[in-house]
Amino acid sequence: REEADITATKYASTQSAVSAMDVDVVASGDSLRIRSIRPSERWGNMGV
């Protein structure tokens, strides 16, 4: 297909930590950039 399908599952030990994370997707020209953004405060273990 001529499309990108992105599924990202954020996970953490608390709901506040999950909500504090972000997934940034930028499609520009022929490039697709995806970035997991971690909150500046320490929330314990988390990931995507």
All heavy atoms as atom14 arrays in JSON, in Angstrom:
{
  "sequence": "REEADITATKYASTQSAVSAMDVDVVASGDSLRIRSIRPSERWGNMGV",
  "atom14_mask": [
    [1, 1, 1, 1, 1, 1, 1, 1, 1, 1, 1, 0, 0, 0],
    [1, 1, 1, 1, 1, 1, 1, 1, 1, 0, 0, 0, 0, 0],
    [1, 1, 1, 1, 1, 1, 1, 1, 1, 0, 0, 0, 0, 0],
    [1, 1, 1, 1, 1, 0, 0, 0, 0, 0, 0, 0, 0, 0],
    [1, 1, 1, 1, 1, 1, 1, 1, 0, 0, 0, 0, 0, 0],
    [1, 1, 1, 1, 1, 1, 1, 1, 0, 0, 0, 0, 0, 0],
    [1, 1, 1, 1, 1, 1, 1, 0, 0, 0, 0, 0, 0, 0],
    [1, 1, 1, 1, 1, 0, 0, 0, 0, 0, 0, 0, 0, 0],
    [1, 1, 1, 1, 1, 1, 1, 0, 0, 0, 0, 0, 0, 0],
    [1, 1, 1, 1, 1, 1, 1, 1, 1, 0, 0, 0, 0, 0],
    [1, 1, 1, 1, 1, 1, 1, 1, 1, 1, 1, 1, 0, 0],
    [1, 1, 1, 1, 1, 0, 0, 0, 0, 0, 0, 0, 0, 0],
    [1, 1, 1, 1, 1, 1, 0, 0, 0, 0, 0, 0, 0, 0],
    [1, 1, 1, 1, 1, 1, 1, 0, 0, 0, 0, 0, 0, 0],
    [1, 1, 1, 1, 1, 1, 1, 1, 1, 0, 0, 0, 0, 0],
    [1, 1, 1, 1, 1, 1, 0, 0, 0, 0, 0, 0, 0, 0],
    [1, 1, 1, 1, 1, 0, 0, 0, 0, 0, 0, 0, 0, 0],
    [1, 1, 1, 1, 1, 1, 1, 0, 0, 0, 0, 0, 0, 0],
    [1, 1, 1, 1, 1, 1, 0, 0, 0, 0, 0, 0, 0, 0],
    [1, 1, 1, 1, 1, 0, 0, 0, 0, 0, 0, 0, 0, 0],
    [1, 1, 1, 1, 1, 1, 1, 1, 0, 0, 0, 0, 0, 0],
    [1, 1, 1, 1, 1, 1, 1, 1, 0, 0, 0, 0, 0, 0],
    [1, 1, 1, 1, 1, 1, 1, 0, 0, 0, 0, 0, 0, 0],
    [1, 1, 1, 1, 1, 1, 1, 1, 0, 0, 0, 0, 0, 0],
    [1, 1, 1, 1, 1, 1, 1, 0, 0, 0, 0, 0, 0, 0],
    [1, 1, 1, 1, 1, 1, 1, 0, 0, 0, 0, 0, 0, 0],
    [1, 1, 1, 1, 1, 0, 0, 0, 0, 0, 0, 0, 0, 0],
    [1, 1, 1, 1, 1, 1, 0, 0, 0, 0, 0, 0, 0, 0],
    [1, 1, 1, 1, 0, 0, 0, 0, 0, 0, 0, 0, 0, 0],
    [1, 1, 1, 1, 1, 1, 1, 1, 0, 0, 0, 0, 0, 0],
    [1, 1, 1, 1, 1, 1, 0, 0, 0, 0, 0, 0, 0, 0],
    [1, 1, 1, 1, 1, 1, 1, 1, 0, 0, 0, 0, 0, 0],
    [1, 1, 1, 1, 1, 1, 1, 1, 1, 1, 1, 0, 0, 0],
    [1, 1, 1, 1, 1, 1, 1, 1, 0, 0, 0, 0, 0, 0],
    [1, 1, 1, 1, 1, 1, 1, 1, 1, 1, 1, 0, 0, 0],
    [1, 1, 1, 1, 1, 1, 0, 0, 0, 0, 0, 0, 0, 0],
    [1, 1, 1, 1, 1, 1, 1, 1, 0, 0, 0, 0, 0, 0],
    [1, 1, 1, 1, 1, 1, 1, 1, 1, 1, 1, 0, 0, 0],
    [1, 1, 1, 1, 1, 1, 1, 0, 0, 0, 0, 0, 0, 0],
    [1, 1, 1, 1, 1, 1, 0, 0, 0, 0, 0, 0, 0, 0],
    [1, 1, 1, 1, 1, 1, 1, 1, 1, 0, 0, 0, 0, 0],
    [1, 1, 1, 1, 1, 1, 1, 1, 1, 1, 1, 0, 0, 0],
    [1, 1, 1, 1, 1, 1, 1, 1, 1, 1, 1, 1, 1, 1],
    [1, 1, 1, 1, 0, 0, 0, 0, 0, 0, 0, 0, 0, 0],
    [1, 1, 1, 1, 1, 1, 1, 1, 0, 0, 0, 0, 0, 0],
    [1, 1, 1, 1, 1, 1, 1, 1, 0, 0, 0, 0, 0, 0],
    [1, 1, 1, 1, 0, 0, 0, 0, 0, 0, 0, 0, 0, 0],
    [1, 1, 1, 1, 1, 1, 1, 0, 0, 0, 0, 0, 0, 0]
  ],
  "atom14_positions": [
    [[0.84, -1.2, 0.0], [0.0, 0.0, 0.0], [0.88, 1.25, 0.0], [2.0, 1.23, 0.51], [-0.9, 0.03, 1.24], [-1.82, -1.17, 1.39], [-2.72, -1.0, 2.6], [-3.44, -2.21, 2.91], [-4.25, -2.35, 3.96], [-4.42, -1.32, 4.78], [-4.88, -3.48, 4.18], [0.0, 0.0, 0.0], [0.0, 0.0, 0.0], [0.0, 0.0, 0.0]],
    [[0.35, 2.34, -0.54], [1.09, 3.6, -0.55], [0.66, 4.44, 0.65], [0.16, 5.56, 0.53], [0.85, 4.34, -1.86], [1.51, 3.65, -3.05], [1.5, 4.51, -4.3], [0.72, 5.48, -4.36], [2.3, 4.22, -5.21], [0.0, 0.0, 0.0], [0.0, 0.0, 0.0], [0.0, 0.0, 0.0], [0.0, 0.0, 0.0], [0.0, 0.0, 0.0]],
    [[0.87, 3.88, 1.81], [0.57, 4.56, 3.06], [1.34, 3.9, 4.19], [1.78, 2.74, 4.08], [-0.93, 4.53, 3.37], [-1.5, 3.15, 3.54], [-3.01, 3.14, 3.71], [-3.66, 4.16, 3.37], [-3.56, 2.13, 4.19], [0.0, 0.0, 0.0], [0.0, 0.0, 0.0], [0.0, 0.0, 0.0], [0.0, 0.0, 0.0], [0.0, 0.0, 0.0]],
    [[1.52, 4.65, 5.26], [2.15, 4.13, 6.47], [1.09, 4.04, 7.56], [0.33, 4.98, 7.78], [3.29, 5.04, 6.92], [0.0, 0.0, 0.0], [0.0, 0.0, 0.0], [0.0, 0.0, 0.0], [0.0, 0.0, 0.0], [0.0, 0.0, 0.0], [0.0, 0.0, 0.0], [0.0, 0.0, 0.0], [0.0, 0.0, 0.0], [0.0, 0.0, 0.0]],
    [[1.04, 2.9, 8.21], [0.1, 2.66, 9.29], [0.89, 2.53, 10.59], [1.75, 1.65, 10.73], [-0.7, 1.38, 9.01], [-1.79, 1.14, 10.03], [-1.45, 0.92, 11.21], [-2.97, 1.15, 9.65], [0.0, 0.0, 0.0], [0.0, 0.0, 0.0], [0.0, 0.0, 0.0], [0.0, 0.0, 0.0], [0.0, 0.0, 0.0], [0.0, 0.0, 0.0]],
    [[0.64, 3.43, 11.52], [1.43, 3.51, 12.76], [0.53, 3.22, 13.96], [-0.46, 3.91, 14.19], [2.04, 4.92, 12.93], [2.84, 5.3, 11.69], [2.89, 4.99, 14.19], [2.83, 6.78, 11.41], [0.0, 0.0, 0.0], [0.0, 0.0, 0.0], [0.0, 0.0, 0.0], [0.0, 0.0, 0.0], [0.0, 0.0, 0.0], [0.0, 0.0, 0.0]],
    [[0.85, 2.18, 14.7], [0.19, 1.91, 15.97], [1.24, 1.98, 17.07], [2.27, 1.3, 16.99], [-0.47, 0.52, 15.99], [-1.48, 0.47, 14.97], [-1.12, 0.24, 17.34], [0.0, 0.0, 0.0], [0.0, 0.0, 0.0], [0.0, 0.0, 0.0], [0.0, 0.0, 0.0], [0.0, 0.0, 0.0], [0.0, 0.0, 0.0], [0.0, 0.0, 0.0]],
    [[1.0, 2.81, 18.06], [1.93, 2.98, 19.18], [1.17, 2.76, 20.48], [0.11, 3.38, 20.7], [2.55, 4.37, 19.16], [0.0, 0.0, 0.0], [0.0, 0.0, 0.0], [0.0, 0.0, 0.0], [0.0, 0.0, 0.0], [0.0, 0.0, 0.0], [0.0, 0.0, 0.0], [0.0, 0.0, 0.0], [0.0, 0.0, 0.0], [0.0, 0.0, 0.0]],
    [[1.66, 1.88, 21.32], [1.04, 1.63, 22.61], [1.94, 2.19, 23.71], [3.02, 1.65, 23.97], [0.81, 0.13, 22.83], [0.01, -0.39, 21.77], [0.1, -0.13, 24.16], [0.0, 0.0, 0.0], [0.0, 0.0, 0.0], [0.0, 0.0, 0.0], [0.0, 0.0, 0.0], [0.0, 0.0, 0.0], [0.0, 0.0, 0.0], [0.0, 0.0, 0.0]],
    [[1.5, 3.27, 24.32], [2.22, 3.84, 25.46], [1.88, 3.0, 26.7], [0.74, 2.61, 26.89], [1.8, 5.29, 25.69], [2.06, 6.21, 24.5], [1.77, 7.67, 24.83], [0.31, 7.92, 25.09], [0.03, 9.33, 25.39], [0.0, 0.0, 0.0], [0.0, 0.0, 0.0], [0.0, 0.0, 0.0], [0.0, 0.0, 0.0], [0.0, 0.0, 0.0]],
    [[2.88, 2.75, 27.54], [2.62, 1.97, 28.76], [3.43, 2.52, 29.92], [4.52, 3.09, 29.75], [2.95, 0.49, 28.54], [4.4, 0.21, 28.23], [5.33, -0.02, 29.23], [4.84, 0.17, 26.91], [6.66, -0.27, 28.94], [6.17, -0.08, 26.6], [7.07, -0.3, 27.63], [8.39, -0.53, 27.33], [0.0, 0.0, 0.0], [0.0, 0.0, 0.0]],
    [[2.89, 2.39, 31.12], [3.57, 2.87, 32.33], [2.88, 2.26, 33.55], [1.85, 1.58, 33.44], [3.55, 4.39, 32.4], [0.0, 0.0, 0.0], [0.0, 0.0, 0.0], [0.0, 0.0, 0.0], [0.0, 0.0, 0.0], [0.0, 0.0, 0.0], [0.0, 0.0, 0.0], [0.0, 0.0, 0.0], [0.0, 0.0, 0.0], [0.0, 0.0, 0.0]],
    [[3.43, 2.53, 34.72], [2.87, 1.96, 35.96], [1.74, 2.8, 36.53], [1.04, 2.35, 37.43], [3.99, 1.82, 37.0], [4.62, 3.06, 37.22], [0.0, 0.0, 0.0], [0.0, 0.0, 0.0], [0.0, 0.0, 0.0], [0.0, 0.0, 0.0], [0.0, 0.0, 0.0], [0.0, 0.0, 0.0], [0.0, 0.0, 0.0], [0.0, 0.0, 0.0]],
    [[1.55, 4.03, 36.03], [0.45, 4.87, 36.48], [-0.22, 5.53, 35.27], [0.42, 5.75, 34.24], [0.93, 5.98, 37.44], [1.77, 6.9, 36.72], [1.71, 5.39, 38.62], [0.0, 0.0, 0.0], [0.0, 0.0, 0.0], [0.0, 0.0, 0.0], [0.0, 0.0, 0.0], [0.0, 0.0, 0.0], [0.0, 0.0, 0.0], [0.0, 0.0, 0.0]],
    [[-1.48, 5.9, 35.44], [-2.19, 6.58, 34.37], [-1.6, 7.97, 34.1], [-1.53, 8.43, 32.96], [-3.68, 6.71, 34.71], [-4.49, 7.38, 33.62], [-4.32, 6.72, 32.27], [-4.47, 5.5, 32.16], [-4.01, 7.5, 31.25], [0.0, 0.0, 0.0], [0.0, 0.0, 0.0], [0.0, 0.0, 0.0], [0.0, 0.0, 0.0], [0.0, 0.0, 0.0]],
    [[-1.13, 8.64, 35.15], [-0.53, 9.96, 34.98], [0.71, 9.88, 34.1], [0.95, 10.76, 33.26], [-0.17, 10.55, 36.35], [-1.33, 10.75, 37.12], [0.0, 0.0, 0.0], [0.0, 0.0, 0.0], [0.0, 0.0, 0.0], [0.0, 0.0, 0.0], [0.0, 0.0, 0.0], [0.0, 0.0, 0.0], [0.0, 0.0, 0.0], [0.0, 0.0, 0.0]],
    [[1.49, 8.84, 34.28], [2.71, 8.68, 33.49], [2.37, 8.41, 32.03], [3.02, 8.94, 31.12], [3.56, 7.56, 34.06], [0.0, 0.0, 0.0], [0.0, 0.0, 0.0], [0.0, 0.0, 0.0], [0.0, 0.0, 0.0], [0.0, 0.0, 0.0], [0.0, 0.0, 0.0], [0.0, 0.0, 0.0], [0.0, 0.0, 0.0], [0.0, 0.0, 0.0]],
    [[1.35, 7.6, 31.78], [0.93, 7.34, 30.4], [0.49, 8.63, 29.72], [0.88, 8.94, 28.58], [-0.21, 6.29, 30.37], [-0.82, 6.22, 28.97], [0.32, 4.92, 30.75], [0.0, 0.0, 0.0], [0.0, 0.0, 0.0], [0.0, 0.0, 0.0], [0.0, 0.0, 0.0], [0.0, 0.0, 0.0], [0.0, 0.0, 0.0], [0.0, 0.0, 0.0]],
    [[-0.31, 9.41, 30.42], [-0.84, 10.65, 29.84], [0.26, 11.68, 29.59], [0.12, 12.55, 28.71], [-1.9, 11.24, 30.77], [-2.99, 10.34, 30.93], [0.0, 0.0, 0.0], [0.0, 0.0, 0.0], [0.0, 0.0, 0.0], [0.0, 0.0, 0.0], [0.0, 0.0, 0.0], [0.0, 0.0, 0.0], [0.0, 0.0, 0.0], [0.0, 0.0, 0.0]],
    [[1.35, 11.59, 30.36], [2.43, 12.57, 30.22], [3.32, 12.3, 29.01], [4.07, 13.17, 28.58], [3.28, 12.59, 31.49], [0.0, 0.0, 0.0], [0.0, 0.0, 0.0], [0.0, 0.0, 0.0], [0.0, 0.0, 0.0], [0.0, 0.0, 0.0], [0.0, 0.0, 0.0], [0.0, 0.0, 0.0], [0.0, 0.0, 0.0], [0.0, 0.0, 0.0]],
    [[3.25, 11.09, 28.46], [4.04, 10.77, 27.26], [3.31, 11.22, 26.01], [2.09, 11.37, 26.0], [4.3, 9.26, 27.17], [5.36, 8.75, 28.11], [5.7, 6.99, 27.81], [4.22, 6.24, 28.49], [0.0, 0.0, 0.0], [0.0, 0.0, 0.0], [0.0, 0.0, 0.0], [0.0, 0.0, 0.0], [0.0, 0.0, 0.0], [0.0, 0.0, 0.0]],
    [[4.06, 11.41, 24.92], [3.47, 11.8, 23.66], [4.16, 11.06, 22.52], [5.32, 10.65, 22.64], [3.59, 13.31, 23.46], [2.67, 13.83, 22.36], [1.79, 13.06, 21.92], [2.84, 14.99, 21.95], [0.0, 0.0, 0.0], [0.0, 0.0, 0.0], [0.0, 0.0, 0.0], [0.0, 0.0, 0.0], [0.0, 0.0, 0.0], [0.0, 0.0, 0.0]],
    [[3.45, 10.86, 21.42], [4.0, 10.29, 20.19], [3.87, 11.35, 19.11], [2.77, 11.8, 18.79], [3.26, 9.0, 19.78], [3.76, 8.52, 18.42], [3.44, 7.92, 20.83], [0.0, 0.0, 0.0], [0.0, 0.0, 0.0], [0.0, 0.0, 0.0], [0.0, 0.0, 0.0], [0.0, 0.0, 0.0], [0.0, 0.0, 0.0], [0.0, 0.0, 0.0]],
    [[4.99, 11.75, 18.56], [5.03, 12.81, 17.55], [5.27, 12.19, 16.17], [6.24, 11.45, 15.97], [6.14, 13.8, 17.88], [6.18, 14.97, 16.91], [5.14, 15.62, 16.73], [7.25, 15.23, 16.34], [0.0, 0.0, 0.0], [0.0, 0.0, 0.0], [0.0, 0.0, 0.0], [0.0, 0.0, 0.0], [0.0, 0.0, 0.0], [0.0, 0.0, 0.0]],
    [[4.39, 12.47, 15.22], [4.49, 11.95, 13.86], [4.51, 13.12, 12.9], [3.6, 13.95, 12.9], [3.32, 11.01, 13.52], [3.39, 10.56, 12.05], [3.31, 9.8, 14.44], [0.0, 0.0, 0.0], [0.0, 0.0, 0.0], [0.0, 0.0, 0.0], [0.0, 0.0, 0.0], [0.0, 0.0, 0.0], [0.0, 0.0, 0.0], [0.0, 0.0, 0.0]],
    [[5.56, 13.2, 12.08], [5.68, 14.28, 11.1], [5.96, 13.65, 9.74], [6.98, 12.98, 9.54], [6.81, 15.26, 11.46], [6.94, 16.33, 10.37], [6.54, 15.91, 12.81], [0.0, 0.0, 0.0], [0.0, 0.0, 0.0], [0.0, 0.0, 0.0], [0.0, 0.0, 0.0], [0.0, 0.0, 0.0], [0.0, 0.0, 0.0], [0.0, 0.0, 0.0]],
    [[5.04, 13.85, 8.79], [5.23, 13.39, 7.42], [5.51, 14.6, 6.55], [4.72, 15.55, 6.5], [3.98, 12.67, 6.94], [0.0, 0.0, 0.0], [0.0, 0.0, 0.0], [0.0, 0.0, 0.0], [0.0, 0.0, 0.0], [0.0, 0.0, 0.0], [0.0, 0.0, 0.0], [0.0, 0.0, 0.0], [0.0, 0.0, 0.0], [0.0, 0.0, 0.0]],
    [[6.66, 14.6, 5.89], [7.07, 15.74, 5.08], [7.82, 15.25, 3.85], [8.85, 14.58, 3.97], [7.97, 16.68, 5.9], [8.44, 17.75, 5.12], [0.0, 0.0, 0.0], [0.0, 0.0, 0.0], [0.0, 0.0, 0.0], [0.0, 0.0, 0.0], [0.0, 0.0, 0.0], [0.0, 0.0, 0.0], [0.0, 0.0, 0.0], [0.0, 0.0, 0.0]],
    [[7.29, 15.6, 2.66], [7.94, 15.14, 1.44], [7.99, 13.63, 1.39], [6.97, 12.96, 1.53], [0.0, 0.0, 0.0], [0.0, 0.0, 0.0], [0.0, 0.0, 0.0], [0.0, 0.0, 0.0], [0.0, 0.0, 0.0], [0.0, 0.0, 0.0], [0.0, 0.0, 0.0], [0.0, 0.0, 0.0], [0.0, 0.0, 0.0], [0.0, 0.0, 0.0]],
    [[9.18, 13.07, 1.2], [9.31, 11.62, 1.14], [9.75, 11.01, 2.46], [10.15, 9.84, 2.51], [10.3, 11.23, 0.03], [11.73, 11.64, 0.35], [11.92, 12.45, 1.28], [12.65, 11.16, -0.34], [0.0, 0.0, 0.0], [0.0, 0.0, 0.0], [0.0, 0.0, 0.0], [0.0, 0.0, 0.0], [0.0, 0.0, 0.0], [0.0, 0.0, 0.0]],
    [[9.72, 11.76, 3.56], [10.19, 11.24, 4.84], [9.07, 11.2, 5.87], [8.15, 12.02, 5.86], [11.35, 12.08, 5.38], [10.9, 13.35, 5.81], [0.0, 0.0, 0.0], [0.0, 0.0, 0.0], [0.0, 0.0, 0.0], [0.0, 0.0, 0.0], [0.0, 0.0, 0.0], [0.0, 0.0, 0.0], [0.0, 0.0, 0.0], [0.0, 0.0, 0.0]],
    [[9.16, 10.22, 6.77], [8.24, 10.07, 7.89], [9.08, 9.98, 9.15], [9.95, 9.1, 9.27], [7.4, 8.81, 7.7], [6.48, 8.43, 8.86], [5.44, 9.51, 9.12], [5.79, 7.08, 8.58], [0.0, 0.0, 0.0], [0.0, 0.0, 0.0], [0.0, 0.0, 0.0], [0.0, 0.0, 0.0], [0.0, 0.0, 0.0], [0.0, 0.0, 0.0]],
    [[8.83, 10.88, 10.09], [9.58, 10.91, 11.34], [8.64, 10.66, 12.51], [7.61, 11.32, 12.64], [10.29, 12.26, 11.51], [11.34, 12.52, 10.42], [11.99, 13.88, 10.57], [12.93, 14.12, 9.49], [14.23, 13.81, 9.53], [14.73, 13.26, 10.64], [15.02, 14.05, 8.5], [0.0, 0.0, 0.0], [0.0, 0.0, 0.0], [0.0, 0.0, 0.0]],
    [[9.03, 9.7, 13.35], [8.23, 9.32, 14.51], [9.11, 9.42, 15.74], [10.25, 8.93, 15.74], [7.69, 7.88, 14.36], [6.89, 7.74, 13.06], [6.83, 7.5, 15.56], [6.55, 6.3, 12.71], [0.0, 0.0, 0.0], [0.0, 0.0, 0.0], [0.0, 0.0, 0.0], [0.0, 0.0, 0.0], [0.0, 0.0, 0.0], [0.0, 0.0, 0.0]],
    [[8.58, 10.01, 16.8], [9.4, 10.2, 18.01], [8.55, 9.99, 19.27], [7.44, 10.51, 19.37], [10.01, 11.59, 18.01], [11.0, 11.86, 19.13], [11.83, 13.09, 18.8], [11.0, 14.28, 18.68], [10.88, 15.21, 19.63], [11.53, 15.08, 20.77], [10.11, 16.27, 19.42], [0.0, 0.0, 0.0], [0.0, 0.0, 0.0], [0.0, 0.0, 0.0]],
    [[9.09, 9.21, 20.19], [8.47, 9.07, 21.52], [8.98, 10.2, 22.4], [10.2, 10.37, 22.54], [8.84, 7.73, 22.15], [8.45, 6.66, 21.34], [0.0, 0.0, 0.0], [0.0, 0.0, 0.0], [0.0, 0.0, 0.0], [0.0, 0.0, 0.0], [0.0, 0.0, 0.0], [0.0, 0.0, 0.0], [0.0, 0.0, 0.0], [0.0, 0.0, 0.0]],
    [[8.07, 10.97, 22.97], [8.46, 12.11, 23.79], [8.2, 11.77, 25.25], [7.06, 11.55, 25.66], [7.7, 13.37, 23.38], [7.98, 13.69, 21.9], [8.09, 14.55, 24.26], [7.22, 14.87, 21.37], [0.0, 0.0, 0.0], [0.0, 0.0, 0.0], [0.0, 0.0, 0.0], [0.0, 0.0, 0.0], [0.0, 0.0, 0.0], [0.0, 0.0, 0.0]],
    [[9.26, 11.75, 26.03], [9.18, 11.45, 27.45], [8.97, 12.74, 28.24], [9.54, 13.76, 27.91], [10.49, 10.76, 27.85], [10.62, 10.49, 29.3], [11.92, 9.82, 29.7], [12.85, 9.5, 28.66], [13.67, 8.45, 28.7], [13.6, 7.63, 29.72], [14.53, 8.23, 27.75], [0.0, 0.0, 0.0], [0.0, 0.0, 0.0], [0.0, 0.0, 0.0]],
    [[8.16, 12.7, 29.3], [7.99, 13.92, 30.11], [9.28, 14.31, 30.81], [10.13, 13.46, 31.09], [6.9, 13.52, 31.11], [6.95, 12.03, 31.17], [7.37, 11.57, 29.79], [0.0, 0.0, 0.0], [0.0, 0.0, 0.0], [0.0, 0.0, 0.0], [0.0, 0.0, 0.0], [0.0, 0.0, 0.0], [0.0, 0.0, 0.0], [0.0, 0.0, 0.0]],
    [[9.41, 15.6, 31.08], [10.64, 16.09, 31.74], [10.74, 15.6, 33.17], [11.83, 15.38, 33.69], [10.69, 17.61, 31.69], [9.52, 18.17, 32.28], [0.0, 0.0, 0.0], [0.0, 0.0, 0.0], [0.0, 0.0, 0.0], [0.0, 0.0, 0.0], [0.0, 0.0, 0.0], [0.0, 0.0, 0.0], [0.0, 0.0, 0.0], [0.0, 0.0, 0.0]],
    [[9.6, 15.4, 33.85], [9.64, 14.89, 35.22], [9.87, 13.38, 35.21], [9.56, 12.7, 34.25], [8.32, 15.19, 35.94], [7.95, 16.66, 36.0], [7.19, 17.1, 34.76], [7.03, 16.27, 33.82], [6.78, 18.27, 34.71], [0.0, 0.0, 0.0], [0.0, 0.0, 0.0], [0.0, 0.0, 0.0], [0.0, 0.0, 0.0], [0.0, 0.0, 0.0]],
    [[10.39, 12.86, 36.3], [10.6, 11.42, 36.42], [9.29, 10.76, 36.84], [8.69, 11.12, 37.85], [11.69, 11.11, 37.44], [13.1, 11.5, 36.97], [14.15, 11.01, 37.96], [14.13, 9.56, 38.1], [14.79, 8.73, 37.31], [15.5, 9.19, 36.3], [14.73, 7.43, 37.52], [0.0, 0.0, 0.0], [0.0, 0.0, 0.0], [0.0, 0.0, 0.0]],
    [[8.85, 9.78, 36.05], [7.6, 9.09, 36.32], [7.83, 7.59, 36.53], [6.89, 6.81, 36.51], [6.63, 9.27, 35.16], [6.15, 10.67, 34.98], [6.75, 11.67, 34.28], [4.94, 11.24, 35.49], [6.01, 12.81, 34.32], [4.88, 12.58, 35.05], [3.89, 10.74, 36.28], [3.82, 13.43, 35.37], [2.83, 11.58, 36.57], [2.81, 12.92, 36.14]],
    [[9.07, 7.15, 36.7], [9.33, 5.72, 36.8], [9.43, 5.09, 35.43], [9.59, 5.75, 34.41], [0.0, 0.0, 0.0], [0.0, 0.0, 0.0], [0.0, 0.0, 0.0], [0.0, 0.0, 0.0], [0.0, 0.0, 0.0], [0.0, 0.0, 0.0], [0.0, 0.0, 0.0], [0.0, 0.0, 0.0], [0.0, 0.0, 0.0], [0.0, 0.0, 0.0]],
    [[9.3, 3.78, 35.38], [9.44, 3.04, 34.13], [8.25, 3.3, 33.2], [7.09, 3.26, 33.62], [9.56, 1.54, 34.4], [10.88, 1.19, 35.05], [11.88, 1.84, 34.79], [10.87, 0.17, 35.9], [0.0, 0.0, 0.0], [0.0, 0.0, 0.0], [0.0, 0.0, 0.0], [0.0, 0.0, 0.0], [0.0, 0.0, 0.0], [0.0, 0.0, 0.0]],
    [[8.55, 3.52, 31.95], [7.52, 3.76, 30.94], [8.12, 3.5, 29.57], [9.34, 3.37, 29.43], [7.03, 5.21, 31.03], [8.14, 6.24, 30.81], [7.53, 7.95, 30.79], [6.9, 8.09, 32.46], [0.0, 0.0, 0.0], [0.0, 0.0, 0.0], [0.0, 0.0, 0.0], [0.0, 0.0, 0.0], [0.0, 0.0, 0.0], [0.0, 0.0, 0.0]],
    [[7.29, 3.44, 28.56], [7.8, 3.24, 27.21], [6.68, 3.21, 26.19], [5.51, 3.43, 26.51], [0.0, 0.0, 0.0], [0.0, 0.0, 0.0], [0.0, 0.0, 0.0], [0.0, 0.0, 0.0], [0.0, 0.0, 0.0], [0.0, 0.0, 0.0], [0.0, 0.0, 0.0], [0.0, 0.0, 0.0], [0.0, 0.0, 0.0], [0.0, 0.0, 0.0]],
    [[7.07, 2.93, 24.94], [6.12, 2.87, 23.82], [6.47, 1.68, 22.95], [7.63, 1.5, 22.56], [6.17, 4.17, 22.97], [5.12, 4.1, 21.88], [6.01, 5.41, 23.82], [0.0, 0.0, 0.0], [0.0, 0.0, 0.0], [0.0, 0.0, 0.0], [0.0, 0.0, 0.0], [0.0, 0.0, 0.0], [0.0, 0.0, 0.0], [0.0, 0.0, 0.0]]
  ]
}
